[in-house]
Amino acid sequence: MTELMDGKLTAKKVEEDLKIRIGLLRERGKRVPKLTVVLVGDHPASLSYVTGKEKACARVGMLSEVLHIPRTISQAELVKIIHRLNEDSNVDGILVQLPLPAELDPQEVVRSIDPSKDVDGLHPVNVGKMHMQIKGFEPCTPRGILRLLDQYQIPLQGKDVVVIGRSNLVGRPVAQLLLNRNATVTICHSKTADLHRYTRAADVIIVAIGRPRFLKKEHVSSKAVVIDVGINRLENGKLTGDVDFDSLNGYVSHLTPVPGGIGPMTIAMLLENTMDAYHQHEILREV
């Protein structure tokens, strides 16, 4: 029997904790955390993601602001806006919603964010801290994956973990976080020869390759824990992951659904990172 890993329920527990902590700040007359999201253009998926983040902030009592900027903005103008947010002492977290229009350089934009406000965990300073096992902001989706594994008491130390995908947003950082937890990690990707040779031997498989229903029952063992990070919209409008959910459900040990698995965890970790940034900033105010 497969145990479905409920990201919505786990994220709700994180939100409930944050709501209590922010409520106490309000009772004491303290400033509360604030997240600012920079949205360039009108990409439909990005609009949906940003709305989800706004609603999550409202649920826990966190202040939120969305700067909706025309896609015609120049690189220099966008960086100038971020520098202004860096200097705003009431803003704790800055998130630039990706993807950006093709004419903008996302790496330069991310580098312009103050690392102490980089709650998406993408600034090179925070990436370096993660690799050196120094406390910083971890990318939200990888952090959410590990939090969900912990919630379901999935051991990682000494386990064989296969990560399918090598993006800077998910594949590479989640592999590093797993290494930091003493897992034995194999990163596979589109150029991997005989990829399923690795997945059949894995204890844990994390799939973030962007191919609908890519991983199937014959590619895994029945002992496997499978984390599906993919979000793909089919021609009929239905959302599906990178895993063939119907064939794996009832066969593998643990499985995340799409939707309702990693997506809610990503937003919960964003809120948690913003809360951590708030506390760092408040400590500096008191020095």
Foldseek 3Di string as FASTA:
>chain_A
DAAAQFLVVLLVVLLVVLLVVQVVCVVVVHQAFEEEEEEEDCDPVLVVLVVVLCVSCVSSVYHYYYHYHYLPDDQVRLLVVQVVLQPDLRHLAYHYGDDHPPRYDVLVSLCSHDQLRHLQQQHPVSVVCLLVVHDGHAHLLLVLVVSSCVVVPPQAAAFEEEEEDDDSRHRVRNQSVSVVSNHHYDYHYPPDDPVLVSQQRGQEYEYDHQAFQQAAPVSYQQNHAYHWPAWDQDPVRDTGTNHPCVRNVVRHHYYYGPPRGSSSSSSSSSVVSSNVSVVVSVVVVVD
